[in-house]
C-alpha atoms as a PDB file:
ATOM      1  CA  MET A   1     -39.248  25.625  -3.230  1.00  0.00           C
ATOM      2  CA  ALA A   2     -37.267  27.572  -6.278  1.00  0.00           C
ATOM      3  CA  ALA A   3     -35.345  29.178  -3.300  1.00  0.00           C
ATOM      4  CA  ALA A   4     -33.973  25.690  -1.646  1.00  0.00           C
ATOM      5  CA  GLU A   5     -33.272  24.275  -5.169  1.00  0.00           C
ATOM      6  CA  TRP A   6     -31.307  27.529  -5.864  1.00  0.00           C
ATOM      7  CA  LEU A   7     -29.493  27.457  -2.827  1.00  0.00           C
ATOM      8  CA  CYS A   8     -28.692  23.861  -2.984  1.00  0.00           C
ATOM      9  CA  ARG A   9     -27.056  24.502  -6.860  1.00  0.00           C
ATOM     10  CA  HIS A  10     -25.268  27.204  -5.321  1.00  0.00           C
ATOM     11  CA  GLY A  11     -23.474  25.185  -2.600  1.00  0.00           C
ATOM     12  CA  ALA A  12     -25.854  24.965   0.532  1.00  0.00           C
ATOM     13  CA  GLU A  13     -26.011  21.763   2.098  1.00  0.00           C
ATOM     14  CA  VAL A  14     -29.510  20.129   2.538  1.00  0.00           C
ATOM     15  CA  ASP A  15     -28.683  19.181   5.859  1.00  0.00           C
ATOM     16  CA  ALA A  16     -27.473  22.424   6.748  1.00  0.00           C
ATOM     17  CA  ARG A  17     -28.620  23.253  10.522  1.00  0.00           C
ATOM     18  CA  PRO A  18     -28.736  26.883  11.119  1.00  0.00           C
ATOM     19  CA  TYR A  19     -30.822  27.384  14.003  1.00  0.00           C
ATOM     20  CA  LEU A  20     -30.973  25.322  16.815  1.00  0.00           C
ATOM     21  CA  GLY A  21     -29.573  22.401  14.901  1.00  0.00           C
ATOM     22  CA  MET A  22     -32.592  22.365  12.991  1.00  0.00           C
ATOM     23  CA  THR A  23     -32.646  21.305   9.162  1.00  0.00           C
ATOM     24  CA  GLY A  24     -34.611  22.084   6.620  1.00  0.00           C
ATOM     25  CA  LEU A  25     -36.239  18.763   6.734  1.00  0.00           C
ATOM     26  CA  HIS A  26     -37.417  19.761  10.549  1.00  0.00           C
ATOM     27  CA  LEU A  27     -38.828  23.178   9.397  1.00  0.00           C
ATOM     28  CA  ALA A  28     -40.491  21.376   6.576  1.00  0.00           C
ATOM     29  CA  VAL A  29     -42.296  19.329   8.713  1.00  0.00           C
ATOM     30  CA  LEU A  30     -42.926  22.371  11.604  1.00  0.00           C
ATOM     31  CA  ALA A  31     -44.352  24.176   8.320  1.00  0.00           C
ATOM     32  CA  ASP A  32     -46.528  21.119   7.193  1.00  0.00           C
ATOM     33  CA  HIS A  33     -45.095  22.017   4.093  1.00  0.00           C
ATOM     34  CA  GLY A  34     -45.312  18.346   2.580  1.00  0.00           C
ATOM     35  CA  ALA A  35     -43.985  19.101  -1.191  1.00  0.00           C
ATOM     36  CA  MET A  36     -40.725  20.591   0.313  1.00  0.00           C
ATOM     37  CA  VAL A  37     -40.340  17.222   2.552  1.00  0.00           C
ATOM     38  CA  GLU A  38     -40.526  15.197  -0.380  1.00  0.00           C
ATOM     39  CA  TRP A  39     -37.928  17.348  -2.296  1.00  0.00           C
ATOM     40  CA  LEU A  40     -35.796  17.281   0.854  1.00  0.00           C
ATOM     41  CA  LEU A  41     -35.960  13.846   0.594  1.00  0.00           C
ATOM     42  CA  GLY A  42     -35.026  13.655  -2.613  1.00  0.00           C
ATOM     43  CA  GLN A  43     -32.015  15.439  -2.330  1.00  0.00           C
ATOM     44  CA  GLY A  44     -30.662  12.976   0.131  1.00  0.00           C
ATOM     45  CA  ALA A  45     -31.622  14.687   3.409  1.00  0.00           C
ATOM     46  CA  ASP A  46     -30.611  12.695   6.752  1.00  0.00           C
ATOM     47  CA  THR A  47     -33.754  12.177   8.496  1.00  0.00           C
ATOM     48  CA  ALA A  48     -31.772  10.990  11.472  1.00  0.00           C
ATOM     49  CA  LEU A  49     -30.620  14.119  12.324  1.00  0.00           C
ATOM     50  CA  ARG A  50     -31.688  15.262  16.101  1.00  0.00           C
ATOM     51  CA  ASP A  51     -32.459  19.194  16.617  1.00  0.00           C
ATOM     52  CA  ASP A  52     -30.497  20.845  19.828  1.00  0.00           C
ATOM     53  CA  GLN A  53     -33.644  21.871  21.269  1.00  0.00           C
ATOM     54  CA  TYR A  54     -35.623  18.553  21.453  1.00  0.00           C
ATOM     55  CA  ASP A  55     -33.304  16.319  20.490  1.00  0.00           C
ATOM     56  CA  SER A  56     -35.898  14.966  18.107  1.00  0.00           C
ATOM     57  CA  THR A  57     -35.576  13.679  14.237  1.00  0.00           C
ATOM     58  CA  PRO A  58     -37.902  15.221  11.577  1.00  0.00           C
ATOM     59  CA  LEU A  59     -39.926  12.070  12.505  1.00  0.00           C
ATOM     60  CA  GLY A  60     -40.377  12.825  16.050  1.00  0.00           C
ATOM     61  CA  TRP A  61     -41.754  16.220  15.170  1.00  0.00           C
ATOM     62  CA  ALA A  62     -43.935  14.660  12.529  1.00  0.00           C
ATOM     63  CA  GLU A  63     -45.330  12.500  15.187  1.00  0.00           C
ATOM     64  CA  HIS A  64     -45.619  14.809  17.689  1.00  0.00           C
ATOM     65  CA  LEU A  65     -47.303  17.683  15.507  1.00  0.00           C
ATOM     66  CA  GLY A  66     -49.711  14.677  13.817  1.00  0.00           C
ATOM     67  CA  ARG A  67     -48.371  15.187  10.640  1.00  0.00           C
ATOM     68  CA  THR A  68     -49.484  11.864   9.385  1.00  0.00           C
ATOM     69  CA  ALA A  69     -48.977  12.815   5.230  1.00  0.00           C
ATOM     70  CA  GLN A  70     -45.389  13.662   6.179  1.00  0.00           C
ATOM     71  CA  ILE A  71     -44.892  10.256   8.347  1.00  0.00           C
ATOM     72  CA  GLU A  72     -45.642   8.264   5.702  1.00  0.00           C
ATOM     73  CA  LEU A  73     -42.929  10.406   3.773  1.00  0.00           C
ATOM     74  CA  LEU A  74     -40.419  10.050   6.516  1.00  0.00           C
ATOM     75  CA  ILE A  75     -40.993   6.215   7.067  1.00  0.00           C
ATOM     76  CA  ARG A  76     -40.796   4.899   2.967  1.00  0.00           C
END
């Protein structure tokens, strides 16, 4: 998480979409990294952004992958 904090302090956008339209929030859900999901949400990550490959939001990914703890974070 320190790397993400450093990047954001140095100008990286929390909702950057570097690969197939996936945001950091999509990737944190994929990696089952709840602390990162929580941190990104605290930084104002947009939960409505859809990736280019599956046209899904991070919540859609969490539901598909059965990430119940992350679903709870994303629907708060």
